[in-house]
N, C-alpha and C. Protein backbone atom coordinates (compact mmCIF):
# COMPACT_ATOMS: atom_id res chain seq x y z
N UNK A 1 -44.49 170.60 224.64
CA UNK A 1 -46.04 170.73 224.78
C UNK A 1 -46.59 170.46 223.21
N UNK A 2 -47.65 169.97 223.32
CA UNK A 2 -48.83 169.24 222.08
C UNK A 2 -49.26 170.40 221.59
N UNK A 3 -49.28 170.92 220.40
CA UNK A 3 -49.91 171.84 219.41
C UNK A 3 -51.30 171.82 219.65
N UNK A 4 -52.06 172.80 220.08
CA UNK A 4 -53.38 173.11 220.30
C UNK A 4 -54.40 172.45 219.21
N UNK A 5 -54.05 172.06 217.94
CA UNK A 5 -54.92 171.45 216.95
C UNK A 5 -54.42 169.79 217.12
N UNK A 6 -53.51 169.13 218.22
CA UNK A 6 -53.46 167.74 218.56
C UNK A 6 -53.95 167.35 219.76
N UNK A 7 -54.71 168.30 220.37
CA UNK A 7 -55.44 167.99 221.91
C UNK A 7 -56.72 167.44 221.44
N UNK A 8 -56.93 166.52 222.03
CA UNK A 8 -58.49 166.26 222.24
C UNK A 8 -59.16 166.71 223.35
N UNK A 9 -60.17 167.87 223.79
CA UNK A 9 -60.64 168.42 224.61
C UNK A 9 -61.92 167.83 224.85
N UNK A 10 -62.36 168.16 225.95
CA UNK A 10 -63.74 167.59 226.16
C UNK A 10 -64.65 168.35 225.40
N UNK A 11 -64.61 169.63 225.14
CA UNK A 11 -65.61 170.47 224.49
C UNK A 11 -65.37 169.87 223.07
N UNK A 12 -64.17 169.40 222.36
CA UNK A 12 -63.87 168.91 221.25
C UNK A 12 -65.02 167.76 220.92
N UNK A 13 -64.84 167.04 221.82
CA UNK A 13 -65.37 165.91 221.82
C UNK A 13 -67.03 166.17 221.89
N UNK A 14 -67.63 166.88 222.70
CA UNK A 14 -68.82 166.87 222.78
C UNK A 14 -69.41 167.80 221.69
N UNK A 15 -68.64 168.75 220.78
CA UNK A 15 -69.32 169.45 219.72
C UNK A 15 -68.98 168.58 218.55
N UNK A 16 -67.91 167.47 218.13
CA UNK A 16 -67.58 167.36 217.23
C UNK A 16 -67.58 165.85 216.99
N UNK A 17 -67.41 165.00 218.03
CA UNK A 17 -67.61 163.59 218.08
C UNK A 17 -68.94 162.94 218.21
N UNK A 18 -68.91 161.68 217.28
CA UNK A 18 -70.02 160.97 217.17
C UNK A 18 -70.75 160.33 218.54
N UNK A 19 -71.68 160.20 218.62
CA UNK A 19 -72.26 159.49 220.18
C UNK A 19 -71.48 158.25 220.21
N UNK A 20 -71.33 157.54 219.43
CA UNK A 20 -70.59 155.87 219.49
C UNK A 20 -68.89 156.10 219.34
N UNK A 21 -68.57 157.29 218.90
CA UNK A 21 -66.96 157.25 219.07
C UNK A 21 -66.25 156.79 220.22
N UNK A 22 -65.11 156.44 219.89
CA UNK A 22 -64.45 155.47 220.99
C UNK A 22 -62.87 156.44 220.89
N UNK A 23 -62.40 156.66 222.03
CA UNK A 23 -61.31 157.50 222.13
C UNK A 23 -60.16 156.37 222.63
N UNK A 24 -59.38 156.28 222.17
CA UNK A 24 -58.02 155.37 222.79
C UNK A 24 -57.00 156.24 222.55
N UNK A 25 -55.65 155.87 223.49
CA UNK A 25 -54.63 156.27 223.44
C UNK A 25 -53.69 155.21 224.08
N UNK A 26 -52.15 155.35 223.52
CA UNK A 26 -51.38 154.23 223.71
C UNK A 26 -50.91 154.48 225.38
N UNK A 27 -50.83 155.57 225.91
CA UNK A 27 -50.55 155.84 227.22
C UNK A 27 -49.07 155.75 227.37
N UNK A 28 -48.08 156.58 228.05
CA UNK A 28 -48.77 157.41 228.82
C UNK A 28 -48.97 158.74 228.08
N UNK A 29 -49.44 159.46 228.62
CA UNK A 29 -50.27 160.64 227.95
C UNK A 29 -49.47 161.78 228.70
N UNK A 30 -49.27 163.08 227.95
CA UNK A 30 -48.62 164.14 228.21
C UNK A 30 -49.57 165.09 228.55
N UNK A 31 -49.99 166.19 227.67
CA UNK A 31 -51.11 167.27 227.79
C UNK A 31 -52.08 166.98 226.47
N UNK A 32 -51.95 166.08 225.27
CA UNK A 32 -52.75 165.76 224.45
C UNK A 32 -54.05 165.47 224.88
N UNK A 33 -54.35 164.87 226.05
CA UNK A 33 -55.61 164.46 226.31
C UNK A 33 -55.98 164.85 228.12
N UNK A 34 -56.53 165.70 228.17
CA UNK A 34 -56.59 166.43 229.49
C UNK A 34 -57.33 165.20 230.49
N UNK A 35 -57.15 165.44 231.74
CA UNK A 35 -57.73 164.38 232.49
C UNK A 35 -59.49 164.41 232.89
N UNK A 36 -59.93 165.57 232.32
CA UNK A 36 -61.14 165.81 232.44
C UNK A 36 -62.14 165.24 231.28
N UNK A 37 -61.48 164.37 230.35
CA UNK A 37 -61.64 163.59 229.12
C UNK A 37 -61.97 162.26 229.77
N UNK A 38 -61.13 161.90 230.63
CA UNK A 38 -61.10 160.28 231.36
C UNK A 38 -62.74 160.28 231.95
N UNK A 39 -63.44 160.98 232.62
CA UNK A 39 -64.52 160.56 232.77
C UNK A 39 -65.97 160.61 231.43
N UNK A 40 -65.30 160.74 230.32
CA UNK A 40 -66.34 161.17 229.21
C UNK A 40 -66.85 159.54 228.75
N UNK A 41 -67.76 159.59 227.94
CA UNK A 41 -68.32 158.52 227.70
C UNK A 41 -67.36 157.87 226.18
N UNK A 42 -66.67 158.73 225.80
CA UNK A 42 -65.81 158.32 224.67
C UNK A 42 -64.77 157.85 225.03
N UNK A 43 -64.09 157.94 226.25
CA UNK A 43 -62.79 157.71 226.86
C UNK A 43 -62.47 155.82 227.03
N UNK A 44 -61.72 155.23 226.02
CA UNK A 44 -61.62 154.03 226.66
C UNK A 44 -60.24 153.26 226.70
N UNK A 45 -59.30 154.43 227.08
CA UNK A 45 -57.73 153.86 227.03
C UNK A 45 -57.47 153.20 228.44
N UNK A 46 -58.08 153.77 229.17
CA UNK A 46 -57.83 152.81 230.49
C UNK A 46 -58.27 151.34 230.31
N UNK A 47 -59.65 150.95 229.76
CA UNK A 47 -59.64 149.59 229.52
C UNK A 47 -58.62 149.16 228.63
N UNK A 48 -58.21 149.89 227.62
CA UNK A 48 -57.22 149.55 226.73
C UNK A 48 -55.97 149.25 227.21
N UNK A 49 -55.64 149.77 228.08
CA UNK A 49 -54.27 149.51 228.83
C UNK A 49 -54.50 148.37 229.88
N UNK A 50 -55.61 148.17 230.50
CA UNK A 50 -55.96 146.97 231.42
C UNK A 50 -55.83 145.65 230.35
N UNK A 51 -56.34 145.67 229.15
CA UNK A 51 -56.66 144.58 228.55
C UNK A 51 -55.21 144.38 227.69
N UNK A 52 -54.59 145.35 227.71
CA UNK A 52 -52.80 144.90 227.16
C UNK A 52 -52.06 144.14 228.43
N UNK A 53 -52.34 144.71 229.74
CA UNK A 53 -51.77 143.74 230.74
C UNK A 53 -51.93 142.60 230.69
N UNK A 54 -53.41 142.45 230.58
CA UNK A 54 -53.82 140.81 230.57
C UNK A 54 -53.44 140.40 229.47
N UNK A 55 -53.26 140.88 228.49
CA UNK A 55 -52.68 140.20 227.08
C UNK A 55 -51.32 139.45 227.19
N UNK A 56 -50.53 140.34 227.71
CA UNK A 56 -49.27 140.52 227.85
C UNK A 56 -48.79 139.33 229.03
N UNK A 57 -49.64 139.68 230.08
CA UNK A 57 -49.59 138.38 231.30
C UNK A 57 -50.05 137.05 230.45
N UNK A 58 -51.06 136.98 229.79
CA UNK A 58 -51.13 135.54 229.02
C UNK A 58 -50.39 134.99 228.30
N UNK A 59 -49.52 135.76 227.44
CA UNK A 59 -48.78 135.41 226.56
C UNK A 59 -47.31 135.09 227.31
N UNK A 60 -47.03 136.12 228.24
CA UNK A 60 -45.97 135.55 229.25
C UNK A 60 -45.92 134.13 229.58
N UNK A 61 -47.42 133.81 229.97
CA UNK A 61 -47.75 132.60 230.62
C UNK A 61 -47.75 131.33 229.60
N UNK A 62 -47.89 131.87 228.49
CA UNK A 62 -47.88 130.66 227.69
C UNK A 62 -46.12 130.23 227.31
N UNK A 63 -45.50 131.54 227.22
CA UNK A 63 -44.27 131.16 226.71
C UNK A 63 -43.53 130.62 227.78
N UNK A 64 -43.49 130.74 229.05
CA UNK A 64 -43.25 130.04 230.10
C UNK A 64 -43.62 128.72 230.32
N UNK A 65 -44.73 128.23 229.75
CA UNK A 65 -45.18 127.05 230.19
C UNK A 65 -44.41 126.25 229.16
N UNK A 66 -44.56 126.72 227.53
CA UNK A 66 -43.89 126.19 226.90
C UNK A 66 -42.15 125.93 227.02
N UNK A 67 -41.78 126.75 227.52
CA UNK A 67 -40.37 126.90 227.83
C UNK A 67 -40.19 125.82 228.87
N UNK A 68 -40.83 125.60 229.78
CA UNK A 68 -40.73 124.67 231.00
C UNK A 68 -40.89 123.37 230.33
N UNK A 69 -41.92 122.99 229.88
CA UNK A 69 -41.79 121.87 228.89
C UNK A 69 -40.74 121.36 228.12
N UNK A 70 -40.06 122.43 227.50
CA UNK A 70 -39.03 122.09 226.65
C UNK A 70 -37.90 121.88 227.43
N UNK A 71 -37.74 122.55 228.51
CA UNK A 71 -36.43 122.53 229.60
C UNK A 71 -36.77 120.74 230.09
N UNK A 72 -37.79 120.44 230.44
CA UNK A 72 -38.10 119.28 231.06
C UNK A 72 -37.60 118.19 230.04
N UNK A 73 -38.11 118.28 228.64
CA UNK A 73 -37.82 117.43 227.85
C UNK A 73 -36.44 117.31 227.62
N UNK A 74 -35.96 118.37 227.58
CA UNK A 74 -34.07 118.38 227.33
C UNK A 74 -33.65 117.63 228.36
N UNK A 75 -34.05 117.89 229.68
CA UNK A 75 -33.20 117.33 231.14
C UNK A 75 -33.46 116.01 230.83
N UNK A 76 -34.85 115.34 230.35
CA UNK A 76 -34.76 113.95 229.85
C UNK A 76 -33.91 113.45 228.84
N UNK A 77 -33.77 113.91 227.80
CA UNK A 77 -33.00 113.44 226.50
C UNK A 77 -31.31 113.27 227.27
N UNK A 78 -31.11 114.69 227.97
CA UNK A 78 -29.28 114.68 228.26
C UNK A 78 -29.19 113.79 229.43
N UNK A 79 -30.23 113.36 230.16
CA UNK A 79 -29.82 112.24 231.20
C UNK A 79 -29.93 111.12 230.51
N UNK A 80 -30.64 111.08 229.59
CA UNK A 80 -30.15 109.61 228.79
C UNK A 80 -29.10 109.40 227.65
N UNK A 81 -28.62 110.57 227.65
CA UNK A 81 -26.85 110.36 226.97
C UNK A 81 -26.10 109.71 227.78
N UNK A 82 -26.51 109.81 229.21
CA UNK A 82 -25.20 109.45 229.95
C UNK A 82 -25.72 108.16 230.61
N UNK A 83 -26.96 107.55 230.27
CA UNK A 83 -27.30 106.24 230.81
C UNK A 83 -26.47 105.02 230.10
N UNK A 84 -25.76 104.45 231.06
CA UNK A 84 -24.94 103.09 230.24
C UNK A 84 -25.80 101.85 230.58
N UNK A 85 -26.39 101.23 229.89
CA UNK A 85 -27.24 99.95 230.00
C UNK A 85 -26.36 98.71 229.04
């Protein structure tokens, strides 16, 4: 259980948060951010999670493409070791 003074409630946001404040969360959440906060103008954690997925996909694509290039070069160099001319 999250202590009450660490919870971000809708009422807390409506009374204390600035109008341009942004609420981020690393997800998954437990009870520190109730589901009714999801539809407020402050919540951005779902966008944050989506952007994190896209970023990880891009990084994996870059790493795998580089690995594939290295593998091809290694195969070409390895094949040349056994070519007798």
